[in-house]
Amino acid sequence: MPITQSAKKAIRGSLRKKGYNDRSKRIMKEVIKKIEKTVKTDKVAAEKFLSSAYQTIDKAAKRGIIKKNNAARKKSRLARLVK
């Protein structure tokens, strides 16, 4: 358990950041799963979701939730899946 006041504040801040990061990561994963599910039935509709997936992946990479190469790999695999 934290003893000093600054350590208590740091824990509150890190929990808040974890919440933001978890939310962003969950949104990204949901969009990816949505595309993977849609591709099986309708590739044209999946292409429409592709730009929103790119947007969420890029935001996650920009904020440091995932690394840059990880984002590039995810985008590449989605593009290959849709085409």
C-alpha atoms as a PDB file:
ATOM      1  CA  MET A   1       0.000   0.000   0.000  1.00  0.00           C
ATOM      2  CA  PRO A   2       1.209   3.502  -0.748  1.00  0.00           C
ATOM      3  CA  ILE A   3       2.212   5.560   2.245  1.00  0.00           C
ATOM      4  CA  THR A   4       3.035   9.006   0.930  1.00  0.00           C
ATOM      5  CA  GLN A   5       0.439  11.349  -0.518  1.00  0.00           C
ATOM      6  CA  SER A   6       2.235  11.493  -3.873  1.00  0.00           C
ATOM      7  CA  ALA A   7       2.209   7.684  -4.139  1.00  0.00           C
ATOM      8  CA  LYS A   8      -1.557   7.675  -3.517  1.00  0.00           C
ATOM      9  CA  LYS A   9      -2.028  10.283  -6.243  1.00  0.00           C
ATOM     10  CA  ALA A  10       0.152   8.288  -8.623  1.00  0.00           C
ATOM     11  CA  ILE A  11      -2.001   5.208  -8.106  1.00  0.00           C
ATOM     12  CA  ARG A  12      -5.180   7.188  -8.816  1.00  0.00           C
ATOM     13  CA  GLY A  13      -3.640   8.586 -11.988  1.00  0.00           C
ATOM     14  CA  SER A  14      -2.395   5.239 -13.193  1.00  0.00           C
ATOM     15  CA  LEU A  15      -5.827   3.666 -12.634  1.00  0.00           C
ATOM     16  CA  ARG A  16      -7.447   6.453 -14.629  1.00  0.00           C
ATOM     17  CA  LYS A  17      -4.950   5.973 -17.469  1.00  0.00           C
ATOM     18  CA  LYS A  18      -5.492   2.212 -17.369  1.00  0.00           C
ATOM     19  CA  GLY A  19      -9.221   2.806 -17.794  1.00  0.00           C
ATOM     20  CA  TYR A  20      -8.646   4.967 -20.871  1.00  0.00           C
ATOM     21  CA  ASN A  21      -6.187   2.486 -22.344  1.00  0.00           C
ATOM     22  CA  ASP A  22      -8.440  -0.513 -21.701  1.00  0.00           C
ATOM     23  CA  ARG A  23     -11.404   1.285 -23.253  1.00  0.00           C
ATOM     24  CA  SER A  24      -9.423   2.222 -26.347  1.00  0.00           C
ATOM     25  CA  LYS A  25      -8.015  -1.276 -26.726  1.00  0.00           C
ATOM     26  CA  ARG A  26     -11.482  -2.824 -26.350  1.00  0.00           C
ATOM     27  CA  ILE A  27     -12.929  -0.514 -29.028  1.00  0.00           C
ATOM     28  CA  MET A  28     -10.076  -1.408 -31.363  1.00  0.00           C
ATOM     29  CA  LYS A  29     -10.576  -5.131 -30.843  1.00  0.00           C
ATOM     30  CA  GLU A  30     -14.350  -4.839 -31.352  1.00  0.00           C
ATOM     31  CA  VAL A  31     -13.894  -3.042 -34.675  1.00  0.00           C
ATOM     32  CA  ILE A  32     -11.390  -5.656 -35.852  1.00  0.00           C
ATOM     33  CA  LYS A  33     -13.714  -8.501 -34.876  1.00  0.00           C
ATOM     34  CA  LYS A  34     -16.612  -6.742 -36.608  1.00  0.00           C
ATOM     35  CA  ILE A  35     -14.637  -6.606 -39.857  1.00  0.00           C
ATOM     36  CA  GLU A  36     -13.524 -10.232 -39.560  1.00  0.00           C
ATOM     37  CA  LYS A  37     -17.124 -11.300 -39.040  1.00  0.00           C
ATOM     38  CA  THR A  38     -18.463  -9.142 -41.869  1.00  0.00           C
ATOM     39  CA  VAL A  39     -15.869 -10.339 -44.390  1.00  0.00           C
ATOM     40  CA  LYS A  40     -17.317 -13.832 -44.255  1.00  0.00           C
ATOM     41  CA  THR A  41     -20.672 -12.587 -45.548  1.00  0.00           C
ATOM     42  CA  ASP A  42     -20.133  -9.281 -47.360  1.00  0.00           C
ATOM     43  CA  LYS A  43     -16.734  -7.952 -48.448  1.00  0.00           C
ATOM     44  CA  VAL A  44     -18.129  -4.630 -49.686  1.00  0.00           C
ATOM     45  CA  ALA A  45     -19.576  -3.820 -46.280  1.00  0.00           C
ATOM     46  CA  ALA A  46     -16.314  -4.845 -44.643  1.00  0.00           C
ATOM     47  CA  GLU A  47     -14.433  -2.316 -46.799  1.00  0.00           C
ATOM     48  CA  LYS A  48     -16.645   0.436 -45.401  1.00  0.00           C
ATOM     49  CA  PHE A  49     -15.635  -0.504 -41.846  1.00  0.00           C
ATOM     50  CA  LEU A  50     -11.958  -0.531 -42.821  1.00  0.00           C
ATOM     51  CA  SER A  51     -11.439   3.225 -42.491  1.00  0.00           C
ATOM     52  CA  SER A  52     -12.931   3.304 -38.989  1.00  0.00           C
ATOM     53  CA  ALA A  53     -10.702   0.385 -38.033  1.00  0.00           C
ATOM     54  CA  TYR A  54      -7.653   2.230 -39.351  1.00  0.00           C
ATOM     55  CA  GLN A  55      -8.672   5.281 -37.371  1.00  0.00           C
ATOM     56  CA  THR A  56      -8.993   3.421 -34.068  1.00  0.00           C
ATOM     57  CA  ILE A  57      -5.755   1.501 -34.638  1.00  0.00           C
ATOM     58  CA  ASP A  58      -3.865   4.700 -35.469  1.00  0.00           C
ATOM     59  CA  LYS A  59      -5.237   6.456 -32.389  1.00  0.00           C
ATOM     60  CA  ALA A  60      -4.162   3.570 -30.180  1.00  0.00           C
ATOM     61  CA  ALA A  61      -0.675   3.668 -31.685  1.00  0.00           C
ATOM     62  CA  LYS A  62      -0.436   7.444 -31.329  1.00  0.00           C
ATOM     63  CA  ARG A  63      -1.362   7.288 -27.653  1.00  0.00           C
ATOM     64  CA  GLY A  64       1.122   4.502 -26.979  1.00  0.00           C
ATOM     65  CA  ILE A  65      -1.450   1.812 -26.235  1.00  0.00           C
ATOM     66  CA  ILE A  66       0.041  -0.394 -28.934  1.00  0.00           C
ATOM     67  CA  LYS A  67       3.364   0.001 -30.700  1.00  0.00           C
ATOM     68  CA  LYS A  68       3.721   1.488 -34.178  1.00  0.00           C
ATOM     69  CA  ASN A  69       4.726  -1.767 -35.874  1.00  0.00           C
ATOM     70  CA  ASN A  70       1.915  -3.624 -34.134  1.00  0.00           C
ATOM     71  CA  ALA A  71      -0.546  -1.091 -35.583  1.00  0.00           C
ATOM     72  CA  ALA A  72       0.972  -1.453 -39.053  1.00  0.00           C
ATOM     73  CA  ARG A  73       0.720  -5.236 -38.823  1.00  0.00           C
ATOM     74  CA  LYS A  74      -2.936  -5.103 -37.752  1.00  0.00           C
ATOM     75  CA  LYS A  75      -3.805  -2.713 -40.588  1.00  0.00           C
ATOM     76  CA  SER A  76      -1.953  -4.821 -43.130  1.00  0.00           C
ATOM     77  CA  ARG A  77      -3.705  -8.007 -42.078  1.00  0.00           C
ATOM     78  CA  LEU A  78      -7.110  -6.331 -42.196  1.00  0.00           C
ATOM     79  CA  ALA A  79      -6.441  -4.927 -45.671  1.00  0.00           C
ATOM     80  CA  ARG A  80      -5.318  -8.333 -46.903  1.00  0.00           C
ATOM     81  CA  LEU A  81      -8.391  -9.968 -45.364  1.00  0.00           C
ATOM     82  CA  VAL A  82     -10.824  -7.551 -46.996  1.00  0.00           C
ATOM     83  CA  LYS A  83      -9.277  -7.678 -50.485  1.00  0.00           C
END
